[in-house]
N, C-alpha and C. Protein backbone atom coordinates (compact mmCIF):
# COMPACT_ATOMS: atom_id res chain seq x y z
N MET A 1 8.71 22.85 49.15
CA MET A 1 9.35 21.88 49.97
C MET A 1 10.31 21.11 49.01
N THR A 2 11.47 20.78 49.47
CA THR A 2 12.47 20.03 48.66
C THR A 2 12.13 18.57 48.79
N ASP A 3 12.23 17.85 47.60
CA ASP A 3 12.17 16.34 47.51
C ASP A 3 13.42 15.77 48.28
N LYS A 4 13.04 15.07 49.40
CA LYS A 4 14.14 14.51 50.11
C LYS A 4 15.03 13.48 49.28
N LYS A 5 14.28 12.76 48.35
CA LYS A 5 15.14 11.74 47.60
C LYS A 5 16.22 12.60 46.81
N SER A 6 15.92 13.78 46.32
CA SER A 6 16.91 14.50 45.58
C SER A 6 17.99 15.09 46.42
N THR A 7 17.70 15.24 47.76
CA THR A 7 18.80 15.85 48.72
C THR A 7 19.75 14.75 49.31
N MET A 8 19.33 13.47 49.28
CA MET A 8 20.16 12.51 49.92
C MET A 8 21.36 12.19 49.12
N ARG A 9 22.41 12.24 49.87
CA ARG A 9 23.72 11.97 49.22
C ARG A 9 24.23 10.75 49.73
N ALA A 10 24.62 9.76 48.99
CA ALA A 10 25.31 8.50 49.43
C ALA A 10 26.46 8.27 48.53
N GLN A 11 27.47 7.61 49.07
CA GLN A 11 28.66 7.18 48.41
C GLN A 11 28.60 5.59 48.58
N PHE A 12 28.96 4.85 47.54
CA PHE A 12 28.99 3.47 47.58
C PHE A 12 30.45 2.93 47.67
N ILE A 13 30.67 2.02 48.60
CA ILE A 13 31.98 1.41 48.66
C ILE A 13 31.91 -0.15 48.64
N MET A 14 32.97 -0.75 48.29
CA MET A 14 33.07 -2.23 48.23
C MET A 14 34.01 -2.65 49.23
N THR A 15 33.45 -3.64 50.03
CA THR A 15 34.26 -4.15 51.10
C THR A 15 35.28 -5.29 50.51
N ALA A 16 36.19 -5.70 51.29
CA ALA A 16 37.13 -6.67 50.79
C ALA A 16 36.43 -8.01 50.44
N THR A 17 35.30 -8.30 50.99
CA THR A 17 34.59 -9.43 50.70
C THR A 17 33.61 -9.26 49.62
N GLY A 18 33.50 -8.12 49.03
CA GLY A 18 32.75 -7.81 47.77
C GLY A 18 31.35 -7.36 48.18
N GLU A 19 31.15 -7.08 49.38
CA GLU A 19 29.78 -6.49 49.81
C GLU A 19 29.70 -4.98 49.55
N ARG A 20 28.72 -4.54 48.87
CA ARG A 20 28.56 -3.15 48.50
C ARG A 20 27.78 -2.45 49.64
N LEU A 21 28.43 -1.32 50.16
CA LEU A 21 27.92 -0.59 51.18
C LEU A 21 27.64 0.82 50.81
N ALA A 22 26.62 1.35 51.42
CA ALA A 22 26.22 2.84 51.22
C ALA A 22 26.66 3.57 52.29
N VAL A 23 27.32 4.75 52.03
CA VAL A 23 27.67 5.55 53.10
C VAL A 23 26.99 6.98 52.90
N MET A 24 26.37 7.46 53.93
CA MET A 24 25.70 8.74 53.74
C MET A 24 25.85 9.69 54.93
N PRO A 25 25.65 10.89 54.73
CA PRO A 25 25.70 11.78 55.95
C PRO A 25 24.68 11.47 57.02
N GLU A 26 25.16 11.68 58.20
CA GLU A 26 24.32 11.21 59.43
C GLU A 26 22.95 12.03 59.36
N ALA A 27 23.00 13.18 58.90
CA ALA A 27 21.58 13.93 58.94
C ALA A 27 20.65 13.21 57.84
N ASP A 28 21.19 12.77 56.75
CA ASP A 28 20.40 12.00 55.77
C ASP A 28 19.94 10.67 56.35
N TYR A 29 20.77 10.05 57.04
CA TYR A 29 20.48 8.74 57.67
C TYR A 29 19.33 9.01 58.70
N ASN A 30 19.41 10.03 59.49
CA ASN A 30 18.49 10.29 60.49
C ASN A 30 17.13 10.67 59.85
N ARG A 31 17.11 11.40 58.75
CA ARG A 31 15.83 11.72 58.13
C ARG A 31 15.22 10.48 57.55
N MET A 32 16.05 9.59 57.06
CA MET A 32 15.47 8.29 56.49
C MET A 32 14.88 7.50 57.58
N LEU A 33 15.61 7.37 58.85
CA LEU A 33 14.99 6.66 59.89
C LEU A 33 13.73 7.26 60.46
N GLU A 34 13.62 8.57 60.38
CA GLU A 34 12.35 9.22 60.81
C GLU A 34 11.17 8.94 59.82
N ALA A 35 11.51 9.02 58.62
CA ALA A 35 10.54 8.72 57.61
C ALA A 35 9.95 7.28 57.70
N LEU A 36 10.89 6.30 57.94
CA LEU A 36 10.45 4.93 58.13
C LEU A 36 9.66 4.75 59.40
N GLU A 37 10.05 5.44 60.51
CA GLU A 37 9.30 5.41 61.72
C GLU A 37 7.82 6.04 61.51
N ASP A 38 7.78 7.09 60.77
CA ASP A 38 6.56 7.79 60.41
C ASP A 38 5.68 6.74 59.65
N ARG A 39 6.27 6.16 58.74
CA ARG A 39 5.49 5.12 57.87
C ARG A 39 4.99 3.93 58.70
N ALA A 40 5.79 3.53 59.71
CA ALA A 40 5.36 2.39 60.54
C ALA A 40 4.27 2.93 61.49
N ASP A 41 4.38 3.98 62.00
CA ASP A 41 3.38 4.54 62.89
C ASP A 41 2.00 4.68 62.15
N ALA A 42 2.04 5.32 60.86
CA ALA A 42 0.87 5.33 60.11
C ALA A 42 0.20 4.01 59.85
N GLU A 43 1.02 2.95 59.56
CA GLU A 43 0.45 1.63 59.31
C GLU A 43 -0.18 1.11 60.61
N ALA A 44 0.45 1.41 61.81
CA ALA A 44 -0.13 0.88 63.03
C ALA A 44 -1.39 1.56 63.25
N VAL A 45 -1.61 2.80 62.94
CA VAL A 45 -2.82 3.51 63.10
C VAL A 45 -3.96 2.93 62.19
N ARG A 46 -3.53 2.60 60.96
CA ARG A 46 -4.49 2.02 59.99
C ARG A 46 -4.93 0.69 60.53
N GLU A 47 -3.97 -0.10 61.07
CA GLU A 47 -4.39 -1.44 61.60
C GLU A 47 -5.23 -1.31 62.70
N PHE A 48 -5.07 -0.31 63.68
CA PHE A 48 -5.93 -0.16 64.86
C PHE A 48 -7.29 0.34 64.38
N LYS A 49 -7.31 1.24 63.44
CA LYS A 49 -8.69 1.57 62.97
C LYS A 49 -9.49 0.46 62.36
N ALA A 50 -8.86 -0.41 61.66
CA ALA A 50 -9.44 -1.53 61.09
C ALA A 50 -9.99 -2.48 62.15
N ARG A 51 -9.17 -2.66 63.19
CA ARG A 51 -9.74 -3.53 64.33
C ARG A 51 -10.86 -2.90 65.01
N LEU A 52 -10.75 -1.56 65.22
CA LEU A 52 -11.76 -0.69 65.87
C LEU A 52 -13.14 -0.86 65.07
N ALA A 53 -12.99 -0.89 63.75
CA ALA A 53 -14.18 -0.92 62.88
C ALA A 53 -14.83 -2.26 62.92
N THR A 54 -14.04 -3.32 63.21
CA THR A 54 -14.60 -4.72 63.19
C THR A 54 -14.91 -5.14 64.67
N GLY A 55 -14.66 -4.21 65.57
CA GLY A 55 -15.11 -4.46 67.06
C GLY A 55 -14.01 -5.38 67.69
N GLU A 56 -12.91 -5.55 67.10
CA GLU A 56 -11.73 -6.29 67.81
C GLU A 56 -11.03 -5.46 68.81
N GLU A 57 -11.20 -4.06 68.60
CA GLU A 57 -10.63 -3.12 69.53
C GLU A 57 -11.69 -2.22 70.11
N GLU A 58 -11.60 -1.51 71.19
CA GLU A 58 -12.57 -0.66 71.65
C GLU A 58 -11.77 0.48 72.31
N LEU A 59 -12.50 1.72 72.45
CA LEU A 59 -11.87 2.78 73.05
C LEU A 59 -12.54 2.90 74.40
N MET A 60 -11.66 3.21 75.44
CA MET A 60 -12.19 3.45 76.69
C MET A 60 -12.00 4.94 77.19
N PRO A 61 -13.00 5.59 77.72
CA PRO A 61 -12.91 6.99 78.04
C PRO A 61 -11.73 7.09 79.13
N ALA A 62 -11.11 8.20 79.06
CA ALA A 62 -9.99 8.54 80.04
C ALA A 62 -10.35 8.39 81.41
N GLU A 63 -11.53 8.70 81.74
CA GLU A 63 -12.04 8.59 83.13
C GLU A 63 -11.74 7.14 83.64
N PHE A 64 -12.16 6.22 82.90
CA PHE A 64 -12.01 4.77 83.29
C PHE A 64 -10.49 4.31 83.18
N ALA A 65 -9.88 4.81 82.19
CA ALA A 65 -8.51 4.39 82.07
C ALA A 65 -7.60 4.94 83.26
N HIS A 66 -7.86 6.18 83.57
CA HIS A 66 -7.18 6.74 84.72
C HIS A 66 -7.46 5.99 86.00
N ARG A 67 -8.61 5.50 86.17
CA ARG A 67 -9.01 4.72 87.43
C ARG A 67 -8.07 3.37 87.38
N ILE A 68 -7.96 2.82 86.28
CA ILE A 68 -7.15 1.49 86.07
C ILE A 68 -5.70 1.90 86.43
N ILE A 69 -5.22 2.95 85.80
CA ILE A 69 -3.81 3.43 85.96
C ILE A 69 -3.50 3.70 87.44
N GLY A 70 -4.50 4.34 88.07
CA GLY A 70 -4.46 4.72 89.57
C GLY A 70 -4.50 3.51 90.47
N GLY A 71 -4.72 2.33 89.97
CA GLY A 71 -4.56 1.24 90.78
C GLY A 71 -5.95 0.65 91.26
N GLU A 72 -7.08 1.23 90.76
CA GLU A 72 -8.33 0.73 91.17
C GLU A 72 -8.50 -0.69 90.60
N ASN A 73 -9.37 -1.41 91.22
CA ASN A 73 -9.62 -2.91 90.81
C ASN A 73 -10.19 -2.83 89.33
N LYS A 74 -9.42 -3.59 88.50
CA LYS A 74 -9.79 -3.62 87.05
C LYS A 74 -11.15 -4.16 86.76
N ILE A 75 -11.46 -5.20 87.59
CA ILE A 75 -12.86 -5.75 87.26
C ILE A 75 -13.95 -4.79 87.59
N ARG A 76 -13.84 -4.09 88.72
CA ARG A 76 -14.78 -2.98 89.00
C ARG A 76 -14.92 -1.97 87.94
N VAL A 77 -13.73 -1.55 87.48
CA VAL A 77 -13.64 -0.45 86.56
C VAL A 77 -14.37 -0.87 85.29
N TRP A 78 -14.00 -2.08 84.79
CA TRP A 78 -14.61 -2.66 83.55
C TRP A 78 -16.10 -2.89 83.71
N ARG A 79 -16.54 -3.39 84.88
CA ARG A 79 -17.91 -3.60 85.13
C ARG A 79 -18.68 -2.33 84.96
N GLU A 80 -18.11 -1.24 85.58
CA GLU A 80 -18.71 -0.01 85.61
C GLU A 80 -18.78 0.59 84.18
N PHE A 81 -17.59 0.51 83.52
CA PHE A 81 -17.50 0.96 82.07
C PHE A 81 -18.64 0.23 81.31
N ARG A 82 -18.89 -0.97 81.54
CA ARG A 82 -19.83 -1.71 80.78
C ARG A 82 -21.30 -1.43 81.31
N ALA A 83 -21.34 -0.72 82.40
CA ALA A 83 -22.68 -0.43 83.03
C ALA A 83 -23.40 -1.64 83.38
N ILE A 84 -22.73 -2.67 84.08
CA ILE A 84 -23.26 -3.91 84.45
C ILE A 84 -23.26 -3.84 86.07
N ALA A 85 -24.46 -4.12 86.55
CA ALA A 85 -24.53 -4.19 87.99
C ALA A 85 -23.77 -5.37 88.54
N ASP A 86 -23.24 -5.29 89.82
CA ASP A 86 -22.47 -6.36 90.37
C ASP A 86 -23.14 -7.69 90.34
N ARG A 87 -24.47 -7.71 90.78
CA ARG A 87 -25.19 -9.08 90.70
C ARG A 87 -25.31 -9.56 89.29
N GLU A 88 -25.46 -8.68 88.34
CA GLU A 88 -25.65 -9.15 86.92
C GLU A 88 -24.32 -9.79 86.53
N LEU A 89 -23.21 -9.17 86.84
CA LEU A 89 -21.85 -9.68 86.46
C LEU A 89 -21.63 -11.07 87.13
N ALA A 90 -21.99 -11.18 88.36
CA ALA A 90 -21.75 -12.40 89.21
C ALA A 90 -22.59 -13.37 88.52
N GLU A 91 -23.90 -13.14 88.11
CA GLU A 91 -24.83 -14.14 87.53
C GLU A 91 -24.22 -14.61 86.11
N LYS A 92 -23.77 -13.63 85.30
CA LYS A 92 -23.12 -14.03 83.97
C LYS A 92 -21.93 -14.83 84.11
N ALA A 93 -21.03 -14.56 85.16
CA ALA A 93 -19.86 -15.24 85.35
C ALA A 93 -20.02 -16.56 86.20
N GLU A 94 -21.33 -16.75 86.63
CA GLU A 94 -21.66 -17.99 87.38
C GLU A 94 -20.86 -18.09 88.59
N ILE A 95 -20.80 -16.93 89.36
CA ILE A 95 -20.15 -16.99 90.69
C ILE A 95 -21.08 -16.18 91.58
N SER A 96 -20.91 -16.28 92.97
CA SER A 96 -21.74 -15.58 93.87
C SER A 96 -21.43 -14.08 93.89
N ALA A 97 -22.40 -13.29 94.14
CA ALA A 97 -22.23 -11.89 94.24
C ALA A 97 -21.29 -11.52 95.28
N GLU A 98 -21.20 -12.40 96.39
CA GLU A 98 -20.31 -12.19 97.57
C GLU A 98 -18.89 -12.35 97.09
N CYS A 99 -18.65 -13.39 96.24
CA CYS A 99 -17.31 -13.78 95.73
C CYS A 99 -16.89 -12.60 94.89
N LEU A 100 -17.66 -12.04 94.03
CA LEU A 100 -17.28 -10.89 93.06
C LEU A 100 -17.01 -9.70 93.98
N SER A 101 -17.78 -9.38 94.99
CA SER A 101 -17.60 -8.31 95.89
C SER A 101 -16.17 -8.39 96.50
N GLN A 102 -15.84 -9.55 96.98
CA GLN A 102 -14.64 -9.78 97.72
C GLN A 102 -13.41 -9.71 96.73
N ILE A 103 -13.62 -10.15 95.43
CA ILE A 103 -12.52 -10.03 94.54
C ILE A 103 -12.43 -8.47 94.24
N GLU A 104 -13.46 -7.76 93.91
CA GLU A 104 -13.37 -6.41 93.57
C GLU A 104 -12.88 -5.53 94.72
N SER A 105 -13.02 -5.89 95.98
CA SER A 105 -12.56 -5.20 97.14
C SER A 105 -11.18 -5.48 97.50
N GLY A 106 -10.63 -6.57 96.92
CA GLY A 106 -9.24 -7.06 97.16
C GLY A 106 -9.20 -7.90 98.35
N GLU A 107 -10.31 -8.22 99.00
CA GLU A 107 -10.37 -9.23 100.11
C GLU A 107 -9.97 -10.61 99.79
N ARG A 108 -10.11 -10.94 98.47
CA ARG A 108 -9.75 -12.23 98.10
C ARG A 108 -9.34 -12.18 96.56
N ASP A 109 -8.40 -13.16 96.32
CA ASP A 109 -8.00 -13.31 94.83
C ASP A 109 -8.86 -14.29 94.16
N GLY A 110 -9.32 -14.07 92.95
CA GLY A 110 -10.10 -15.05 92.27
C GLY A 110 -9.17 -16.06 91.67
N SER A 111 -9.66 -17.27 91.63
CA SER A 111 -8.89 -18.34 90.93
C SER A 111 -8.74 -18.07 89.43
N PHE A 112 -7.79 -18.72 88.79
CA PHE A 112 -7.77 -18.49 87.33
C PHE A 112 -9.03 -18.67 86.60
N GLY A 113 -9.68 -19.81 86.98
CA GLY A 113 -11.02 -20.15 86.36
C GLY A 113 -12.03 -19.11 86.57
N THR A 114 -12.04 -18.51 87.88
CA THR A 114 -13.06 -17.40 88.15
C THR A 114 -12.80 -16.30 87.31
N ILE A 115 -11.48 -15.77 87.29
CA ILE A 115 -11.17 -14.56 86.61
C ILE A 115 -11.45 -14.76 85.08
N LYS A 116 -11.20 -15.95 84.57
CA LYS A 116 -11.62 -16.25 83.17
C LYS A 116 -13.04 -16.18 82.94
N LYS A 117 -13.92 -16.61 83.84
CA LYS A 117 -15.26 -16.42 83.62
C LYS A 117 -15.69 -14.93 83.69
N ILE A 118 -15.10 -14.24 84.65
CA ILE A 118 -15.43 -12.79 84.79
C ILE A 118 -14.98 -12.05 83.46
N ALA A 119 -13.88 -12.40 82.89
CA ALA A 119 -13.31 -11.73 81.70
C ALA A 119 -14.35 -12.08 80.46
N ALA A 120 -14.68 -13.24 80.38
CA ALA A 120 -15.66 -13.56 79.36
C ALA A 120 -17.01 -12.82 79.60
N ALA A 121 -17.45 -12.79 80.83
CA ALA A 121 -18.75 -12.07 81.02
C ALA A 121 -18.63 -10.53 80.70
N LEU A 122 -17.37 -10.00 80.99
CA LEU A 122 -17.19 -8.58 80.57
C LEU A 122 -16.86 -8.38 79.24
N LYS A 123 -16.59 -9.44 78.46
CA LYS A 123 -16.14 -9.45 77.04
C LYS A 123 -14.78 -8.59 76.96
N VAL A 124 -13.82 -9.04 77.82
CA VAL A 124 -12.48 -8.45 77.79
C VAL A 124 -11.49 -9.71 77.75
N SER A 125 -10.22 -9.48 77.43
CA SER A 125 -9.25 -10.53 77.59
C SER A 125 -8.73 -10.64 79.05
N LEU A 126 -8.16 -11.76 79.24
CA LEU A 126 -7.59 -12.03 80.59
C LEU A 126 -6.52 -10.93 80.82
N ASP A 127 -5.83 -10.53 79.84
CA ASP A 127 -4.78 -9.45 79.93
C ASP A 127 -5.36 -8.26 80.42
N ASP A 128 -6.58 -7.83 80.04
CA ASP A 128 -7.21 -6.67 80.58
C ASP A 128 -7.52 -6.65 81.93
N LEU A 129 -7.53 -7.86 82.57
CA LEU A 129 -7.77 -7.92 84.04
C LEU A 129 -6.49 -8.27 84.86
N ALA A 130 -5.40 -8.47 84.10
CA ALA A 130 -4.16 -8.76 84.75
C ALA A 130 -3.51 -7.72 85.40
């Protein structure tokens, strides 16, 4: 494999204001952009793995993610993912089981305060339920 540094060709020019510019073939420029994107992607993966190791992030099985993507009630999906019974979640969130049932079925919208309590009981962010 050829070292990309040795194959990059650049010409330097000076502007009227004294700024020095590098001019390079488009193919070299595109390779450089790709390398920078790969490096940024690798760093993002490292950061995610670190957050995963500390518990700041978690992985959700595709089965549950697909249910959310498909439009199923996010509270119900998270509750079932966490293996929490509806009455247990209602108790933890300090709301009635009937209220939780109505929110999960879409019969009623929960207030901000109620959704905040449910999010805390599920140990998810409000964004996860939005």
